[in-house]
Amino acid sequence: MHITRIALLAVIGFLSTSCTTSVHSLFNDGERSSEPALVGVWESKEQKTTLTLQWLADGKLYSLHTAIEDQPAGSAEFTAVLGRVGEHRFLEIHPRSNTGGLYTFWKVELDGDSLTLTPLNPHWIESMDKARMRVIEHEPALGGVTLTASTKELKTFVLKYVDNKAAFSDELKFQRKK
């Protein structure tokens, strides 16, 4: 599990300076959805990053390939799932070799050829702890926190804080590569 986490953090590091992972998925099996407009190649000039999303056979799983410009070791393969929590869409990703069960999830905003991914901010979770307001069950982890809450608890938490700009911050903007 430790090696999987390090690989996940190394590649996701391009998306954020720190990371929130989860032991449990944000979605139950029947809650996966699809969005044909997500398929394609997305670039972030600011992050010098390219994301390539393709369908897998079931039509509700995506293959996600990440590449960081000028960093051959910054390339990795993930499986991604799109789903909804309330009115908001989330992309949950994990390494293809996810034997450790660690997931990350990102709020998705898709507007034509613009894609915005917004992660859950681990520093916000830590700051809430310091204020003695534990908002969700978690453990400290390398580069962030690991959520230990159940899928049901994760959904309740996300619904409560999804519009909180401190909880979901450091958005990353991508443009469709044509």
N, C-alpha and C. Protein backbone atom coordinates (compact mmCIF):
# COMPACT_ATOMS: atom_id res chain seq x y z
N MET A 1 0.83 -1.18 0.00
CA MET A 1 0.00 0.00 0.00
C MET A 1 0.87 1.25 0.00
N HIS A 2 2.00 1.23 0.71
CA HIS A 2 2.87 2.39 0.79
C HIS A 2 3.46 2.73 -0.59
N ILE A 3 3.86 1.73 -1.36
CA ILE A 3 4.42 1.97 -2.70
C ILE A 3 3.35 2.55 -3.61
N THR A 4 2.13 2.02 -3.55
CA THR A 4 1.04 2.55 -4.36
C THR A 4 0.77 4.01 -4.01
N ARG A 5 0.78 4.35 -2.74
CA ARG A 5 0.55 5.72 -2.30
C ARG A 5 1.65 6.65 -2.81
N ILE A 6 2.89 6.22 -2.73
CA ILE A 6 3.99 7.05 -3.22
C ILE A 6 3.86 7.28 -4.72
N ALA A 7 3.53 6.22 -5.47
CA ALA A 7 3.34 6.38 -6.92
C ALA A 7 2.19 7.34 -7.20
N LEU A 8 1.11 7.21 -6.47
CA LEU A 8 -0.04 8.09 -6.65
C LEU A 8 0.35 9.53 -6.35
N LEU A 9 1.04 9.76 -5.25
CA LEU A 9 1.44 11.12 -4.89
C LEU A 9 2.42 11.71 -5.89
N ALA A 10 3.33 10.90 -6.39
CA ALA A 10 4.31 11.40 -7.35
C ALA A 10 3.65 11.91 -8.62
N VAL A 11 2.68 11.17 -9.11
CA VAL A 11 2.03 11.57 -10.36
C VAL A 11 0.97 12.62 -10.12
N ILE A 12 0.24 12.51 -9.04
CA ILE A 12 -0.79 13.50 -8.76
C ILE A 12 -0.15 14.80 -8.28
N GLY A 13 1.09 14.75 -7.92
CA GLY A 13 1.79 15.95 -7.49
C GLY A 13 1.71 17.08 -8.48
N PHE A 14 1.60 16.74 -9.77
CA PHE A 14 1.47 17.78 -10.78
C PHE A 14 0.13 18.49 -10.66
N LEU A 15 -0.86 17.84 -10.08
CA LEU A 15 -2.18 18.44 -9.95
C LEU A 15 -2.29 19.33 -8.72
N SER A 16 -1.49 19.07 -7.74
CA SER A 16 -1.62 19.81 -6.50
C SER A 16 -0.33 19.66 -5.70
N THR A 17 -0.07 20.61 -4.84
CA THR A 17 1.13 20.51 -4.02
C THR A 17 0.95 19.50 -2.90
N SER A 18 -0.26 19.13 -2.61
CA SER A 18 -0.53 18.12 -1.59
C SER A 18 -1.75 17.32 -2.03
N CYS A 19 -2.03 16.27 -1.27
CA CYS A 19 -3.03 15.33 -1.77
C CYS A 19 -3.92 14.82 -0.65
N THR A 20 -5.20 14.63 -0.98
CA THR A 20 -6.14 13.96 -0.09
C THR A 20 -6.50 12.64 -0.76
N THR A 21 -6.21 11.54 -0.11
CA THR A 21 -6.60 10.24 -0.62
C THR A 21 -7.71 9.69 0.27
N SER A 22 -8.34 8.64 -0.20
CA SER A 22 -9.41 8.00 0.56
C SER A 22 -9.25 6.49 0.49
N VAL A 23 -9.50 5.84 1.60
CA VAL A 23 -9.48 4.39 1.65
C VAL A 23 -10.69 3.82 0.91
N HIS A 24 -11.81 4.55 0.95
CA HIS A 24 -13.05 4.09 0.33
C HIS A 24 -13.38 4.94 -0.89
N SER A 25 -14.08 4.33 -1.81
CA SER A 25 -14.56 5.03 -3.00
C SER A 25 -15.66 6.02 -2.63
N LEU A 26 -15.77 7.06 -3.41
CA LEU A 26 -16.86 8.02 -3.24
C LEU A 26 -18.18 7.46 -3.79
N PHE A 27 -18.08 6.46 -4.68
CA PHE A 27 -19.26 5.92 -5.37
C PHE A 27 -19.47 4.45 -5.10
N ASN A 28 -20.73 4.04 -5.06
CA ASN A 28 -21.07 2.62 -5.10
C ASN A 28 -21.07 2.20 -6.56
N ASP A 29 -21.00 0.90 -6.83
CA ASP A 29 -20.89 0.41 -8.21
C ASP A 29 -21.97 0.95 -9.14
N GLY A 30 -23.20 1.04 -8.70
CA GLY A 30 -24.29 1.48 -9.57
C GLY A 30 -24.35 2.98 -9.79
N GLU A 31 -23.46 3.72 -9.19
CA GLU A 31 -23.51 5.18 -9.28
C GLU A 31 -22.56 5.78 -10.30
N ARG A 32 -21.91 4.94 -11.04
CA ARG A 32 -21.01 5.45 -12.08
C ARG A 32 -21.83 6.04 -13.21
N SER A 33 -21.29 7.09 -13.80
CA SER A 33 -21.97 7.68 -14.96
C SER A 33 -20.94 7.91 -16.05
N SER A 34 -21.40 8.38 -17.16
CA SER A 34 -20.48 8.65 -18.27
C SER A 34 -20.76 10.03 -18.81
N GLU A 35 -19.75 10.60 -19.41
CA GLU A 35 -19.86 11.90 -20.06
C GLU A 35 -18.96 11.86 -21.29
N PRO A 36 -19.56 11.64 -22.46
CA PRO A 36 -18.76 11.54 -23.69
C PRO A 36 -17.83 12.73 -23.92
N ALA A 37 -18.22 13.91 -23.45
CA ALA A 37 -17.40 15.10 -23.67
C ALA A 37 -16.09 15.07 -22.87
N LEU A 38 -15.97 14.18 -21.89
CA LEU A 38 -14.71 14.07 -21.14
C LEU A 38 -13.62 13.37 -21.94
N VAL A 39 -14.03 12.53 -22.88
CA VAL A 39 -13.06 11.77 -23.66
C VAL A 39 -12.25 12.72 -24.52
N GLY A 40 -10.94 12.57 -24.48
CA GLY A 40 -10.08 13.40 -25.30
C GLY A 40 -8.77 13.71 -24.60
N VAL A 41 -8.05 14.63 -25.19
CA VAL A 41 -6.76 15.06 -24.65
C VAL A 41 -6.93 16.47 -24.11
N TRP A 42 -6.53 16.66 -22.87
CA TRP A 42 -6.68 17.94 -22.17
C TRP A 42 -5.31 18.44 -21.76
N GLU A 43 -5.06 19.74 -21.96
CA GLU A 43 -3.76 20.32 -21.63
C GLU A 43 -3.90 21.45 -20.63
N SER A 44 -2.93 21.51 -19.74
CA SER A 44 -2.79 22.65 -18.84
C SER A 44 -1.41 23.24 -19.11
N LYS A 45 -1.38 24.36 -19.79
CA LYS A 45 -0.10 25.01 -20.09
C LYS A 45 0.57 25.46 -18.80
N GLU A 46 -0.23 25.94 -17.85
CA GLU A 46 0.30 26.41 -16.57
C GLU A 46 0.99 25.29 -15.80
N GLN A 47 0.36 24.11 -15.77
CA GLN A 47 0.92 22.96 -15.05
C GLN A 47 1.85 22.12 -15.93
N LYS A 48 1.94 22.46 -17.22
CA LYS A 48 2.74 21.70 -18.19
C LYS A 48 2.35 20.23 -18.16
N THR A 49 1.04 20.00 -18.16
CA THR A 49 0.49 18.67 -17.98
C THR A 49 -0.52 18.35 -19.07
N THR A 50 -0.52 17.08 -19.48
CA THR A 50 -1.51 16.59 -20.43
C THR A 50 -2.25 15.42 -19.79
N LEU A 51 -3.58 15.46 -19.88
CA LEU A 51 -4.43 14.34 -19.46
C LEU A 51 -5.08 13.75 -20.69
N THR A 52 -5.06 12.45 -20.81
CA THR A 52 -5.76 11.78 -21.90
C THR A 52 -6.79 10.85 -21.28
N LEU A 53 -8.06 11.08 -21.59
CA LEU A 53 -9.16 10.25 -21.06
C LEU A 53 -9.75 9.44 -22.21
N GLN A 54 -9.87 8.13 -22.01
CA GLN A 54 -10.48 7.23 -23.00
C GLN A 54 -11.45 6.32 -22.27
N TRP A 55 -12.44 5.84 -23.02
CA TRP A 55 -13.40 4.88 -22.46
C TRP A 55 -12.73 3.53 -22.26
N LEU A 56 -13.13 2.83 -21.23
CA LEU A 56 -12.82 1.42 -21.11
C LEU A 56 -14.07 0.65 -21.55
N ALA A 57 -13.98 -0.63 -21.64
CA ALA A 57 -15.02 -1.44 -22.26
C ALA A 57 -16.42 -1.25 -21.69
N ASP A 58 -16.57 -1.01 -20.39
CA ASP A 58 -17.91 -0.93 -19.83
C ASP A 58 -18.62 0.40 -20.07
N GLY A 59 -17.94 1.37 -20.65
CA GLY A 59 -18.56 2.66 -20.95
C GLY A 59 -18.75 3.56 -19.76
N LYS A 60 -18.37 3.11 -18.57
CA LYS A 60 -18.49 3.95 -17.37
C LYS A 60 -17.17 4.07 -16.62
N LEU A 61 -16.14 3.44 -17.13
CA LEU A 61 -14.80 3.60 -16.59
C LEU A 61 -13.96 4.28 -17.64
N TYR A 62 -13.05 5.12 -17.19
CA TYR A 62 -12.15 5.80 -18.08
C TYR A 62 -10.73 5.32 -17.83
N SER A 63 -9.95 5.33 -18.87
CA SER A 63 -8.52 5.17 -18.75
C SER A 63 -7.96 6.59 -18.74
N LEU A 64 -7.15 6.90 -17.77
CA LEU A 64 -6.57 8.23 -17.64
C LEU A 64 -5.06 8.11 -17.71
N HIS A 65 -4.48 8.78 -18.69
CA HIS A 65 -3.02 8.82 -18.84
C HIS A 65 -2.59 10.25 -18.54
N THR A 66 -1.62 10.39 -17.66
CA THR A 66 -1.09 11.71 -17.35
C THR A 66 0.34 11.81 -17.87
N ALA A 67 0.71 12.97 -18.33
CA ALA A 67 2.08 13.23 -18.77
C ALA A 67 2.45 14.64 -18.35
N ILE A 68 3.64 14.77 -17.80
CA ILE A 68 4.16 16.07 -17.40
C ILE A 68 5.28 16.42 -18.36
N GLU A 69 5.17 17.59 -18.97
CA GLU A 69 6.14 18.05 -19.95
C GLU A 69 7.56 17.98 -19.38
N ASP A 70 8.48 17.47 -20.18
CA ASP A 70 9.90 17.38 -19.83
C ASP A 70 10.19 16.46 -18.65
N GLN A 71 9.24 15.60 -18.28
CA GLN A 71 9.47 14.67 -17.18
C GLN A 71 8.98 13.28 -17.57
N PRO A 72 9.82 12.50 -18.23
CA PRO A 72 9.38 11.16 -18.65
C PRO A 72 8.88 10.31 -17.48
N ALA A 73 9.45 10.49 -16.29
CA ALA A 73 9.00 9.72 -15.13
C ALA A 73 7.68 10.24 -14.59
N GLY A 74 7.21 11.37 -15.10
CA GLY A 74 5.97 11.96 -14.64
C GLY A 74 4.75 11.43 -15.36
N SER A 75 4.91 10.35 -16.10
CA SER A 75 3.81 9.75 -16.85
C SER A 75 3.27 8.56 -16.07
N ALA A 76 1.93 8.40 -16.07
CA ALA A 76 1.34 7.27 -15.36
C ALA A 76 -0.04 6.96 -15.91
N GLU A 77 -0.50 5.76 -15.61
CA GLU A 77 -1.81 5.28 -16.04
C GLU A 77 -2.72 5.10 -14.84
N PHE A 78 -3.95 5.57 -14.99
CA PHE A 78 -4.95 5.47 -13.93
C PHE A 78 -6.25 4.93 -14.50
N THR A 79 -7.12 4.49 -13.61
CA THR A 79 -8.50 4.23 -13.94
C THR A 79 -9.30 5.34 -13.28
N ALA A 80 -10.30 5.84 -13.99
CA ALA A 80 -11.10 6.94 -13.46
C ALA A 80 -12.58 6.59 -13.58
N VAL A 81 -13.35 7.07 -12.62
CA VAL A 81 -14.79 6.87 -12.58
C VAL A 81 -15.44 8.23 -12.43
N LEU A 82 -16.46 8.48 -13.22
CA LEU A 82 -17.24 9.71 -13.09
C LEU A 82 -18.53 9.38 -12.38
N GLY A 83 -18.92 10.24 -11.45
CA GLY A 83 -20.18 10.03 -10.75
C GLY A 83 -20.69 11.36 -10.21
N ARG A 84 -21.88 11.30 -9.65
CA ARG A 84 -22.50 12.51 -9.08
C ARG A 84 -22.70 12.34 -7.59
N VAL A 85 -22.53 13.47 -6.92
CA VAL A 85 -22.92 13.59 -5.52
C VAL A 85 -23.78 14.84 -5.50
N GLY A 86 -25.07 14.65 -5.30
CA GLY A 86 -26.00 15.76 -5.45
C GLY A 86 -25.99 16.22 -6.89
N GLU A 87 -25.84 17.51 -7.09
CA GLU A 87 -25.82 18.08 -8.45
C GLU A 87 -24.41 18.20 -9.01
N HIS A 88 -23.41 17.77 -8.26
CA HIS A 88 -22.02 17.97 -8.65
C HIS A 88 -21.42 16.68 -9.18
N ARG A 89 -20.60 16.82 -10.22
CA ARG A 89 -19.89 15.67 -10.78
C ARG A 89 -18.48 15.60 -10.19
N PHE A 90 -18.04 14.36 -9.98
CA PHE A 90 -16.70 14.11 -9.46
C PHE A 90 -16.03 13.04 -10.30
N LEU A 91 -14.73 13.20 -10.48
CA LEU A 91 -13.91 12.20 -11.14
C LEU A 91 -13.05 11.58 -10.05
N GLU A 92 -13.20 10.28 -9.87
CA GLU A 92 -12.43 9.56 -8.87
C GLU A 92 -11.36 8.78 -9.61
N ILE A 93 -10.12 8.96 -9.19
CA ILE A 93 -9.03 8.27 -9.89
C ILE A 93 -8.22 7.42 -8.93
N HIS A 94 -7.65 6.36 -9.49
CA HIS A 94 -6.73 5.52 -8.74
C HIS A 94 -5.80 4.84 -9.73
N PRO A 95 -4.58 4.52 -9.28
CA PRO A 95 -3.63 3.86 -10.19
C PRO A 95 -4.21 2.55 -10.69
N ARG A 96 -3.85 2.20 -11.92
CA ARG A 96 -4.34 0.93 -12.47
C ARG A 96 -3.94 -0.24 -11.58
N SER A 97 -2.81 -0.13 -10.92
CA SER A 97 -2.35 -1.19 -10.03
C SER A 97 -2.80 -0.91 -8.60
N ASN A 98 -4.02 -0.46 -8.44
CA ASN A 98 -4.52 -0.02 -7.14
C ASN A 98 -4.86 -1.20 -6.24
N THR A 99 -3.84 -1.85 -5.74
CA THR A 99 -4.08 -2.95 -4.82
C THR A 99 -4.22 -2.45 -3.39
N GLY A 100 -3.81 -1.19 -3.15
CA GLY A 100 -3.88 -0.64 -1.81
C GLY A 100 -5.20 0.04 -1.50
N GLY A 101 -6.05 0.21 -2.48
CA GLY A 101 -7.36 0.79 -2.24
C GLY A 101 -7.39 2.28 -2.02
N LEU A 102 -6.41 3.03 -2.49
CA LEU A 102 -6.42 4.47 -2.31
C LEU A 102 -7.01 5.18 -3.51
N TYR A 103 -7.89 6.12 -3.23
CA TYR A 103 -8.58 6.87 -4.26
C TYR A 103 -8.35 8.36 -4.03
N THR A 104 -8.45 9.14 -5.09
CA THR A 104 -8.57 10.59 -4.96
C THR A 104 -9.80 11.00 -5.74
N PHE A 105 -10.44 12.08 -5.33
CA PHE A 105 -11.59 12.55 -6.11
C PHE A 105 -11.49 14.04 -6.32
N TRP A 106 -11.99 14.45 -7.49
CA TRP A 106 -11.87 15.82 -7.97
C TRP A 106 -13.22 16.31 -8.45
N LYS A 107 -13.61 17.48 -7.99
CA LYS A 107 -14.85 18.09 -8.50
C LYS A 107 -14.61 18.43 -9.97
N VAL A 108 -15.59 18.12 -10.81
CA VAL A 108 -15.47 18.31 -12.26
C VAL A 108 -16.41 19.40 -12.72
N GLU A 109 -15.86 20.35 -13.47
CA GLU A 109 -16.67 21.34 -14.16
C GLU A 109 -16.24 21.28 -15.62
N LEU A 110 -17.19 20.98 -16.48
CA LEU A 110 -16.93 20.82 -17.90
C LEU A 110 -17.78 21.83 -18.65
N ASP A 111 -17.12 22.69 -19.41
CA ASP A 111 -17.81 23.73 -20.17
C ASP A 111 -17.19 23.77 -21.57
N GLY A 112 -17.80 23.05 -22.50
CA GLY A 112 -17.27 22.99 -23.86
C GLY A 112 -15.88 22.39 -23.87
N ASP A 113 -14.91 23.20 -24.29
CA ASP A 113 -13.53 22.73 -24.37
C ASP A 113 -12.70 23.10 -23.14
N SER A 114 -13.37 23.44 -22.05
CA SER A 114 -12.69 23.76 -20.79
C SER A 114 -13.07 22.74 -19.72
N LEU A 115 -12.07 22.24 -19.03
CA LEU A 115 -12.26 21.28 -17.95
C LEU A 115 -11.57 21.83 -16.71
N THR A 116 -12.30 21.90 -15.61
CA THR A 116 -11.72 22.33 -14.34
C THR A 116 -11.84 21.18 -13.36
N LEU A 117 -10.73 20.81 -12.75
CA LEU A 117 -10.69 19.78 -11.72
C LEU A 117 -10.28 20.45 -10.41
N THR A 118 -11.07 20.22 -9.37
CA THR A 118 -10.80 20.85 -8.08
C THR A 118 -10.71 19.77 -7.00
N PRO A 119 -9.55 19.67 -6.35
CA PRO A 119 -9.38 18.65 -5.32
C PRO A 119 -9.87 19.10 -3.95
N LEU A 120 -10.04 18.15 -3.09
CA LEU A 120 -10.32 18.41 -1.68
C LEU A 120 -9.00 18.83 -1.04
N ASN A 121 -9.00 19.94 -0.34
CA ASN A 121 -7.79 20.53 0.23
C ASN A 121 -7.44 19.88 1.57
N PRO A 122 -6.33 19.14 1.65
CA PRO A 122 -5.97 18.51 2.93
C PRO A 122 -5.61 19.52 4.01
N HIS A 123 -5.11 20.69 3.60
CA HIS A 123 -4.76 21.72 4.59
C HIS A 123 -6.01 22.26 5.29
N TRP A 124 -7.12 22.31 4.56
CA TRP A 124 -8.38 22.74 5.16
C TRP A 124 -8.82 21.73 6.21
N ILE A 125 -8.71 20.44 5.88
CA ILE A 125 -9.08 19.40 6.83
C ILE A 125 -8.22 19.52 8.09
N GLU A 126 -6.92 19.71 7.91
CA GLU A 126 -6.02 19.86 9.04
C GLU A 126 -6.35 21.11 9.86
N SER A 127 -6.69 22.21 9.18
CA SER A 127 -7.03 23.45 9.90
C SER A 127 -8.31 23.28 10.71
N MET A 128 -9.25 22.51 10.19
CA MET A 128 -10.47 22.25 10.94
C MET A 128 -10.16 21.42 12.19
N ASP A 129 -9.21 20.48 12.07
CA ASP A 129 -8.78 19.71 13.23
C ASP A 129 -8.19 20.62 14.30
N LYS A 130 -7.35 21.55 13.87
CA LYS A 130 -6.71 22.48 14.82
C LYS A 130 -7.75 23.34 15.52
N ALA A 131 -8.84 23.62 14.84
CA ALA A 131 -9.94 24.40 15.44
C ALA A 131 -10.89 23.51 16.23
N ARG A 132 -10.50 22.25 16.39
CA ARG A 132 -11.29 21.25 17.12
C ARG A 132 -12.66 21.02 16.48
N MET A 133 -12.66 21.03 15.16
CA MET A 133 -13.88 20.79 14.38
C MET A 133 -13.60 19.67 13.39
N ARG A 134 -13.43 18.46 13.87
CA ARG A 134 -13.11 17.33 12.99
C ARG A 134 -14.28 17.12 12.04
N VAL A 135 -14.07 17.37 10.75
CA VAL A 135 -15.16 17.34 9.79
C VAL A 135 -15.37 15.97 9.15
N ILE A 136 -14.33 15.12 9.18
CA ILE A 136 -14.43 13.79 8.60
C ILE A 136 -13.31 12.92 9.18
N GLU A 137 -13.57 11.63 9.26
CA GLU A 137 -12.55 10.71 9.79
C GLU A 137 -11.40 10.60 8.79
N HIS A 138 -10.16 10.74 9.32
CA HIS A 138 -8.97 10.69 8.46
C HIS A 138 -7.74 10.43 9.32
N GLU A 139 -6.65 10.15 8.62
CA GLU A 139 -5.35 9.94 9.25
C GLU A 139 -4.33 10.80 8.52
N PRO A 140 -3.31 11.29 9.21
CA PRO A 140 -2.24 12.02 8.53
C PRO A 140 -1.53 11.08 7.56
N ALA A 141 -1.04 11.63 6.47
CA ALA A 141 -0.36 10.82 5.46
C ALA A 141 0.70 11.67 4.77
N LEU A 142 1.59 11.01 4.10
CA LEU A 142 2.65 11.68 3.34
C LEU A 142 2.03 12.64 2.34
N GLY A 143 2.30 13.92 2.47
CA GLY A 143 1.81 14.91 1.51
C GLY A 143 0.35 15.30 1.68
N GLY A 144 -0.29 14.91 2.77
CA GLY A 144 -1.69 15.28 2.93
C GLY A 144 -2.37 14.46 4.00
N VAL A 145 -3.60 14.03 3.71
CA VAL A 145 -4.36 13.20 4.63
C VAL A 145 -5.00 12.06 3.84
N THR A 146 -5.30 10.98 4.56
CA THR A 146 -6.05 9.86 3.99
C THR A 146 -7.37 9.77 4.73
N LEU A 147 -8.46 9.92 3.98
CA LEU A 147 -9.80 9.82 4.55
C LEU A 147 -10.09 8.36 4.86
N THR A 148 -10.66 8.10 6.02
CA THR A 148 -11.00 6.73 6.42
C THR A 148 -12.51 6.54 6.54
N ALA A 149 -13.26 7.57 6.26
CA ALA A 149 -14.72 7.51 6.35
C ALA A 149 -15.29 6.55 5.30
N SER A 150 -16.47 6.03 5.59
CA SER A 150 -17.16 5.12 4.66
C SER A 150 -17.65 5.89 3.42
N THR A 151 -18.06 5.17 2.41
CA THR A 151 -18.61 5.80 1.21
C THR A 151 -19.80 6.69 1.57
N LYS A 152 -20.69 6.22 2.40
CA LYS A 152 -21.86 7.00 2.81
C LYS A 152 -21.43 8.28 3.52
N GLU A 153 -20.46 8.16 4.44
CA GLU A 153 -19.96 9.34 5.16
C GLU A 153 -19.26 10.32 4.22
N LEU A 154 -18.52 9.79 3.24
CA LEU A 154 -17.86 10.66 2.26
C LEU A 154 -18.88 11.50 1.50
N LYS A 155 -19.96 10.85 1.06
CA LYS A 155 -21.00 11.56 0.32
C LYS A 155 -21.64 12.66 1.16
N THR A 156 -21.95 12.35 2.39
CA THR A 156 -22.54 13.34 3.29
C THR A 156 -21.60 14.53 3.46
N PHE A 157 -20.33 14.23 3.67
CA PHE A 157 -19.30 15.26 3.81
C PHE A 157 -19.20 16.12 2.55
N VAL A 158 -19.12 15.48 1.39
CA VAL A 158 -18.99 16.20 0.12
C VAL A 158 -20.20 17.10 -0.10
N LEU A 159 -21.41 16.58 0.12
CA LEU A 159 -22.62 17.41 -0.04
C LEU A 159 -22.59 18.63 0.86
N LYS A 160 -22.09 18.47 2.07
CA LYS A 160 -22.06 19.58 3.02
C LYS A 160 -21.04 20.66 2.64
N TYR A 161 -19.88 20.24 2.07
CA TYR A 161 -18.78 21.18 1.87
C TYR A 161 -18.42 21.44 0.40
N VAL A 162 -19.13 20.88 -0.55
CA VAL A 162 -18.75 20.98 -1.95
C VAL A 162 -18.64 22.42 -2.44
N ASP A 163 -19.44 23.32 -1.91
CA ASP A 163 -19.38 24.72 -2.35
C ASP A 163 -18.49 25.59 -1.47
N ASN A 164 -17.84 24.99 -0.50
CA ASN A 164 -16.93 25.72 0.37
C ASN A 164 -15.60 25.89 -0.37
N LYS A 165 -15.26 27.13 -0.69
CA LYS A 165 -14.06 27.43 -1.49
C LYS A 165 -12.77 27.11 -0.76
N ALA A 166 -12.80 27.00 0.56
CA ALA A 166 -11.60 26.61 1.30
C ALA A 166 -11.44 25.09 1.28
N ALA A 167 -12.55 24.36 1.33
CA ALA A 167 -12.50 22.90 1.34
C ALA A 167 -12.10 22.34 -0.02
N PHE A 168 -12.70 22.88 -1.06
CA PHE A 168 -12.36 22.47 -2.43
C PHE A 168 -11.68 23.67 -3.08
N SER A 169 -10.36 23.60 -3.16
CA SER A 169 -9.60 24.75 -3.66
C SER A 169 -8.48 24.28 -4.58
N ASP A 170 -7.71 25.21 -5.07
CA ASP A 170 -6.58 24.93 -5.96
C ASP A 170 -7.05 24.27 -7.26
N GLU A 171 -8.07 24.87 -7.86
CA GLU A 171 -8.60 24.30 -9.09
C GLU A 171 -7.55 24.31 -10.20
N LEU A 172 -7.64 23.31 -11.05
CA LEU A 172 -6.74 23.17 -12.19
C LEU A 172 -7.55 23.28 -13.46
N LYS A 173 -7.10 24.10 -14.36
CA LYS A 173 -7.84 24.35 -15.59
C LYS A 173 -7.12 23.71 -16.78
N PHE A 174 -7.90 22.99 -17.57
CA PHE A 174 -7.39 22.33 -18.77
C PHE A 174 -8.21 22.79 -19.97
N GLN A 175 -7.58 22.79 -21.12
CA GLN A 175 -8.23 23.07 -22.39
C GLN A 175 -8.11 21.83 -23.26
N ARG A 176 -9.17 21.56 -24.02
CA ARG A 176 -9.15 20.42 -24.93
C ARG A 176 -8.10 20.67 -26.02
N LYS A 177 -7.26 19.69 -26.24
CA LYS A 177 -6.26 19.79 -27.30
C LYS A 177 -6.94 19.41 -28.61
N LYS A 178 -6.79 20.26 -29.60
CA LYS A 178 -7.45 19.99 -30.88
C LYS A 178 -6.45 19.63 -31.94
